[in-house]
Amino acid sequence: MNTIVDNKSNNCASGKYKHTYTATASDITPLYRLTPNAMLMYFQDSFARLMTIHGVAAFDIVKQHRMWVITEVQIDIQPTVAYWSEDFTVELWVSELTSLRIYCDFRIVRNDRSASPLASGKNEQLIASGTSQWNILNLDTKRLEPTDFLADKLTVVPELMTPSHKKVRFPKPQTVDMQLEHRATRLDLDFNFHVSNRSYVSIALLTMPDDVLASQMLTSVTVHWLHETYLDDTLTCRLSLTPDGRYLHTLTNAAGLTVCELLSEWSPQPEAPDVSEVLNRAL
């Protein structure tokens, strides 16, 4: 195991990359779980760190008029608590490289503070796991670039965290059970001046009914990003309940074009820790 950036990052001989983060208050839900936004943020940060190590980060490939684009993510979420100031680790690896797509699988685990730093990870608790699909976009032509220039830079570890990398097929909405409009503000933008992929997820989940949020927890989320949107664009999010009990969130722009689709699954909430247990933790 070789140190890459600092004492929170490492790159294993297996081809998997790990980085440890410390949870902040804004990362935690009232039921002491990592928020979906935090899961996406820290996973993507680890992805950027891995690509930086191999010299193909966003700021590297932009010199060749190329840009990374994430188009799909699937996350299965466990009922694992996460507390402020505790450490958790993102482990990720490139699981498949095709002519036009890069698939990156990942795990997020809660670290056991009582374990030795040299422990093998047996005491870790799984917070979430999943897979993601990335493409390289040519900034001049706006077309997808072949991934052949990555073949000798990235190690492929063919271990899948989902049954397959087949494209998820989103059902067609049958009804509209909830609808809201959102005008993109500066808070929604990323460093490319596009609406951030995490903002779409936050907007979509705002359509969840209060009674579901009061009694259930998010157990799975699948997101498909289709088109870019920008500052002051108006996004309409429509919520539909699917026949199999999932929730379909469809975001469209002012022209009616679907820019993002999200499927969420929920299950009854486990009992939350007593607040005294949280406040009495040793830092």
Protein backbone atom coordinates (compact mmCIF):
# COMPACT_ATOMS: atom_id res chain seq x y z
CA MET A 1 0.00 0.00 0.00
CA ASN A 2 1.55 3.29 -1.12
CA THR A 3 0.71 6.75 0.15
CA ILE A 4 -0.60 8.93 -2.70
CA VAL A 5 -1.67 12.35 -1.42
CA ASP A 6 -1.77 12.37 2.39
CA ASN A 7 -2.54 10.07 5.27
CA LYS A 8 -6.19 9.87 4.22
CA SER A 9 -5.56 8.54 0.71
CA ASN A 10 -4.05 5.36 -0.62
CA ASN A 11 -3.92 3.31 -3.77
CA CYS A 12 -3.90 -0.45 -3.29
CA ALA A 13 -2.01 -2.85 -5.48
CA SER A 14 -5.41 -4.33 -6.40
CA GLY A 15 -6.24 -1.20 -8.42
CA LYS A 16 -8.76 0.10 -5.91
CA TYR A 17 -8.45 3.62 -4.56
CA LYS A 18 -9.48 4.76 -1.07
CA HIS A 19 -9.89 8.14 0.53
CA THR A 20 -11.10 8.86 4.07
CA TYR A 21 -13.30 11.85 4.89
CA THR A 22 -14.65 13.32 8.11
CA ALA A 23 -18.41 13.86 8.25
CA THR A 24 -19.56 17.45 8.79
CA ALA A 25 -22.91 18.53 10.19
CA SER A 26 -24.30 19.32 6.74
CA ASP A 27 -23.56 15.74 5.60
CA ILE A 28 -25.94 14.19 8.14
CA THR A 29 -29.73 13.77 8.09
CA PRO A 30 -31.90 14.15 11.23
CA LEU A 31 -31.84 10.33 11.46
CA TYR A 32 -28.02 10.24 11.44
CA ARG A 33 -27.49 8.98 7.92
CA LEU A 34 -25.26 10.39 5.18
CA THR A 35 -27.37 12.53 2.84
CA PRO A 36 -27.60 11.48 -0.84
CA ASN A 37 -25.91 14.77 -1.71
CA ALA A 38 -22.95 13.90 0.54
CA MET A 39 -22.65 10.41 -0.94
CA LEU A 40 -22.50 11.85 -4.45
CA MET A 41 -20.13 14.65 -3.48
CA TYR A 42 -17.56 12.46 -1.74
CA PHE A 43 -17.75 9.70 -4.36
CA GLN A 44 -17.13 12.21 -7.14
CA ASP A 45 -14.34 13.84 -5.18
CA SER A 46 -12.62 10.45 -4.84
CA PHE A 47 -13.10 9.84 -8.56
CA ALA A 48 -11.43 13.19 -9.29
CA ARG A 49 -8.54 12.30 -6.96
CA LEU A 50 -8.03 8.95 -8.71
CA MET A 51 -8.04 10.58 -12.14
CA THR A 52 -5.57 13.20 -10.87
CA ILE A 53 -3.14 10.47 -9.85
CA HIS A 54 -3.24 9.11 -13.41
CA GLY A 55 -2.96 12.51 -15.07
CA VAL A 56 -6.45 12.49 -16.61
CA ALA A 57 -8.37 14.77 -14.23
CA ALA A 58 -10.68 17.47 -15.57
CA PHE A 59 -7.92 20.08 -15.47
CA ASP A 60 -5.61 17.71 -17.39
CA ILE A 61 -7.87 16.72 -20.26
CA VAL A 62 -9.32 20.20 -20.78
CA LYS A 63 -5.97 21.02 -22.40
CA GLN A 64 -7.00 18.56 -25.14
CA HIS A 65 -10.48 20.15 -25.34
CA ARG A 66 -12.02 17.24 -23.45
CA MET A 67 -14.33 17.11 -20.46
CA TRP A 68 -15.51 14.42 -18.04
CA VAL A 69 -19.30 13.87 -17.97
CA ILE A 70 -21.13 11.64 -15.51
CA THR A 71 -24.31 10.30 -17.11
CA GLU A 72 -25.67 7.71 -14.69
CA VAL A 73 -25.30 6.52 -11.11
CA GLN A 74 -26.95 3.76 -9.08
CA ILE A 75 -26.63 3.77 -5.29
CA ASP A 76 -27.90 1.17 -2.81
CA ILE A 77 -28.10 2.68 0.68
CA GLN A 78 -27.84 0.78 3.96
CA PRO A 79 -29.41 1.85 7.31
CA THR A 80 -25.97 2.63 8.74
CA VAL A 81 -25.68 5.63 11.04
CA ALA A 82 -23.08 8.34 10.44
CA TYR A 83 -22.22 10.94 13.06
CA TRP A 84 -20.65 14.37 12.88
CA SER A 85 -16.84 14.31 13.17
CA GLU A 86 -16.58 10.57 12.46
CA ASP A 87 -14.52 9.23 9.58
CA PHE A 88 -15.85 7.26 6.64
CA THR A 89 -14.02 5.92 3.61
CA VAL A 90 -14.86 5.91 -0.08
CA GLU A 91 -13.36 2.99 -2.00
CA LEU A 92 -13.67 3.02 -5.79
CA TRP A 93 -12.30 1.37 -8.87
CA VAL A 94 -12.76 1.34 -12.64
CA SER A 95 -14.80 -1.82 -13.21
CA GLU A 96 -15.22 -1.67 -17.00
CA LEU A 97 -13.79 0.36 -19.86
CA THR A 98 -15.58 0.25 -23.21
CA SER A 99 -14.88 2.18 -26.39
CA LEU A 100 -16.98 5.15 -25.21
CA ARG A 101 -17.78 4.57 -21.53
CA ILE A 102 -15.99 4.33 -18.21
CA TYR A 103 -17.76 2.46 -15.41
CA CYS A 104 -16.63 3.18 -11.87
CA ASP A 105 -17.96 1.14 -8.93
CA PHE A 106 -17.70 2.22 -5.31
CA ARG A 107 -18.35 1.50 -1.65
CA ILE A 108 -18.76 3.97 1.21
CA VAL A 109 -18.00 2.51 4.64
CA ARG A 110 -18.15 3.79 8.18
CA ASN A 111 -14.83 3.43 9.96
CA ASP A 112 -14.57 1.77 13.37
CA ARG A 113 -12.68 4.18 15.59
CA SER A 114 -11.72 1.41 18.00
CA ALA A 115 -9.98 -0.59 15.28
CA SER A 116 -6.24 -0.41 14.70
CA PRO A 117 -5.14 1.72 11.70
CA LEU A 118 -3.60 -1.49 10.34
CA ALA A 119 -6.83 -3.50 10.62
CA SER A 120 -8.02 -5.26 7.48
CA GLY A 121 -11.43 -3.56 7.42
CA LYS A 122 -13.45 -6.36 9.01
CA ASN A 123 -15.03 -3.90 11.45
CA GLU A 124 -16.19 -1.50 8.74
CA GLN A 125 -19.92 -0.94 8.25
CA LEU A 126 -21.27 -0.48 4.73
CA ILE A 127 -23.06 2.85 4.24
CA ALA A 128 -23.69 2.64 0.49
CA SER A 129 -22.46 0.98 -2.69
CA GLY A 130 -23.09 1.37 -6.37
CA THR A 131 -21.86 2.06 -9.85
CA SER A 132 -21.52 5.04 -12.17
CA GLN A 133 -21.12 5.69 -15.88
CA TRP A 134 -18.80 8.36 -17.27
CA ASN A 135 -17.97 9.66 -20.75
CA ILE A 136 -15.38 11.95 -22.26
CA LEU A 137 -16.91 14.83 -24.20
CA ASN A 138 -15.09 16.71 -26.96
CA LEU A 139 -15.60 20.39 -26.15
CA ASP A 140 -15.33 21.46 -29.80
CA THR A 141 -17.68 18.94 -31.41
CA LYS A 142 -19.85 18.17 -28.33
CA ARG A 143 -19.52 14.51 -29.27
CA LEU A 144 -18.33 11.58 -27.16
CA GLU A 145 -14.63 10.84 -27.40
CA PRO A 146 -13.17 7.30 -27.62
CA THR A 147 -11.67 6.14 -24.34
CA ASP A 148 -8.64 4.39 -25.90
CA PHE A 149 -6.24 7.01 -24.48
CA LEU A 150 -7.25 5.85 -20.98
CA ALA A 151 -6.48 2.17 -21.54
CA ASP A 152 -2.83 2.37 -20.48
CA LYS A 153 -3.55 4.75 -17.58
CA LEU A 154 -6.42 3.13 -15.69
CA THR A 155 -6.39 -0.31 -14.06
CA VAL A 156 -9.65 -2.20 -14.63
CA VAL A 157 -10.91 -4.24 -11.66
CA PRO A 158 -13.85 -6.34 -12.95
CA GLU A 159 -15.75 -6.37 -9.67
CA LEU A 160 -19.34 -5.14 -9.93
CA MET A 161 -21.37 -3.61 -7.10
CA THR A 162 -24.59 -3.95 -9.09
CA PRO A 163 -25.88 -6.98 -11.04
CA SER A 164 -24.67 -5.56 -14.36
CA HIS A 165 -23.75 -2.40 -16.22
CA LYS A 166 -26.78 -2.58 -18.45
CA LYS A 167 -28.45 0.77 -19.01
CA VAL A 168 -31.30 1.32 -16.59
CA ARG A 169 -34.65 1.66 -18.31
CA PHE A 170 -36.82 4.27 -16.65
CA PRO A 171 -40.58 3.63 -16.79
CA LYS A 172 -42.90 6.08 -18.47
CA PRO A 173 -44.86 8.17 -15.95
CA GLN A 174 -48.48 7.05 -15.69
CA THR A 175 -49.73 9.86 -13.47
CA VAL A 176 -48.36 13.03 -11.90
CA ASP A 177 -48.71 12.84 -8.12
CA MET A 178 -46.67 15.94 -7.30
CA GLN A 179 -45.15 18.77 -9.31
CA LEU A 180 -42.88 21.69 -8.49
CA GLU A 181 -40.92 24.31 -10.40
CA HIS A 182 -37.41 25.43 -9.57
CA ARG A 183 -35.52 28.34 -11.09
CA ALA A 184 -31.79 27.62 -11.16
CA THR A 185 -29.77 29.96 -8.97
CA ARG A 186 -26.03 30.44 -8.49
CA LEU A 187 -26.20 27.95 -5.63
CA ASP A 188 -27.12 25.25 -8.14
CA LEU A 189 -24.12 25.78 -10.42
CA ASP A 190 -20.84 23.86 -10.62
CA PHE A 191 -17.47 25.21 -11.76
CA ASN A 192 -18.52 24.75 -15.41
CA PHE A 193 -21.47 27.13 -14.83
CA HIS A 194 -23.89 24.24 -15.41
CA VAL A 195 -26.50 23.12 -12.91
CA SER A 196 -24.62 20.60 -10.77
CA ASN A 197 -25.62 16.94 -11.03
CA ARG A 198 -26.16 16.94 -7.26
CA SER A 199 -28.60 19.85 -7.56
CA TYR A 200 -30.86 17.75 -9.79
CA VAL A 201 -30.99 15.08 -7.09
CA SER A 202 -31.84 17.60 -4.37
CA ILE A 203 -34.57 19.18 -6.51
CA ALA A 204 -36.05 15.79 -7.42
CA LEU A 205 -36.25 14.60 -3.82
CA LEU A 206 -38.12 17.76 -2.81
CA THR A 207 -41.19 16.19 -4.44
CA MET A 208 -41.32 13.32 -1.94
CA PRO A 209 -44.54 13.37 0.15
CA ASP A 210 -44.15 14.41 3.79
CA ASP A 211 -45.76 11.21 5.08
CA VAL A 212 -43.17 9.10 3.25
CA LEU A 213 -40.30 11.19 4.57
CA ALA A 214 -41.69 10.91 8.13
CA SER A 215 -41.86 7.12 8.13
CA GLN A 216 -39.45 5.78 5.51
CA MET A 217 -35.79 6.04 4.52
CA LEU A 218 -34.20 6.15 1.09
CA THR A 219 -32.72 2.74 0.23
CA SER A 220 -31.87 3.10 -3.46
CA VAL A 221 -31.49 5.89 -5.98
CA THR A 222 -30.75 5.71 -9.69
CA VAL A 223 -30.09 8.90 -11.64
CA HIS A 224 -29.77 9.47 -15.38
CA TRP A 225 -28.51 12.88 -16.47
CA LEU A 226 -29.41 13.75 -20.08
CA HIS A 227 -28.93 17.45 -20.80
CA GLU A 228 -27.24 20.51 -19.32
CA THR A 229 -29.15 23.43 -17.82
CA TYR A 230 -27.92 26.83 -16.72
CA LEU A 231 -28.48 29.82 -14.45
CA ASP A 232 -32.09 31.11 -14.46
CA ASP A 233 -33.40 28.07 -16.35
CA THR A 234 -36.75 26.89 -15.00
CA LEU A 235 -36.89 23.19 -14.17
CA THR A 236 -40.16 21.35 -13.62
CA CYS A 237 -40.00 18.18 -11.54
CA ARG A 238 -42.89 15.71 -11.72
CA LEU A 239 -43.29 12.82 -9.29
CA SER A 240 -45.02 9.58 -10.28
CA LEU A 241 -45.55 6.41 -8.28
CA THR A 242 -44.64 3.37 -10.39
CA PRO A 243 -46.66 0.12 -10.34
CA ASP A 244 -43.86 -1.64 -8.44
CA GLY A 245 -43.84 0.92 -5.63
CA ARG A 246 -40.88 3.05 -6.67
CA TYR A 247 -40.95 6.82 -7.18
CA LEU A 248 -40.11 8.30 -10.58
CA HIS A 249 -38.87 11.90 -10.59
CA THR A 250 -38.73 13.53 -14.04
CA LEU A 251 -37.11 16.95 -14.52
CA THR A 252 -37.83 18.92 -17.69
CA ASN A 253 -36.70 22.33 -18.90
CA ALA A 254 -38.88 25.17 -20.19
CA ALA A 255 -38.97 23.60 -23.65
CA GLY A 256 -40.34 20.34 -22.21
CA LEU A 257 -37.08 18.42 -22.78
CA THR A 258 -36.28 15.83 -20.11
CA VAL A 259 -32.94 16.80 -18.58
CA CYS A 260 -32.79 14.31 -15.70
CA GLU A 261 -34.60 11.17 -14.52
CA LEU A 262 -34.41 9.71 -11.04
CA LEU A 263 -35.83 6.54 -9.51
CA SER A 264 -35.98 6.32 -5.72
CA GLU A 265 -36.89 3.41 -3.46
CA TRP A 266 -37.87 3.70 0.20
CA SER A 267 -38.43 1.33 3.13
CA PRO A 268 -39.64 1.72 6.74
CA GLN A 269 -37.21 3.65 8.90
CA PRO A 270 -35.23 1.76 11.50
CA GLU A 271 -35.24 3.27 14.97
CA ALA A 272 -33.00 6.33 15.22
CA PRO A 273 -30.32 6.51 17.94
CA ASP A 274 -31.28 8.49 21.02
CA VAL A 275 -29.87 12.01 20.91
CA SER A 276 -28.11 11.45 24.26
CA GLU A 277 -26.12 8.63 22.67
CA VAL A 278 -24.97 11.01 19.96
CA LEU A 279 -24.14 13.89 22.33
CA ASN A 280 -22.15 11.67 24.67
CA ARG A 281 -19.79 10.39 22.00
CA ALA A 282 -16.09 10.85 22.65
CA LEU A 283 -14.53 13.01 19.93
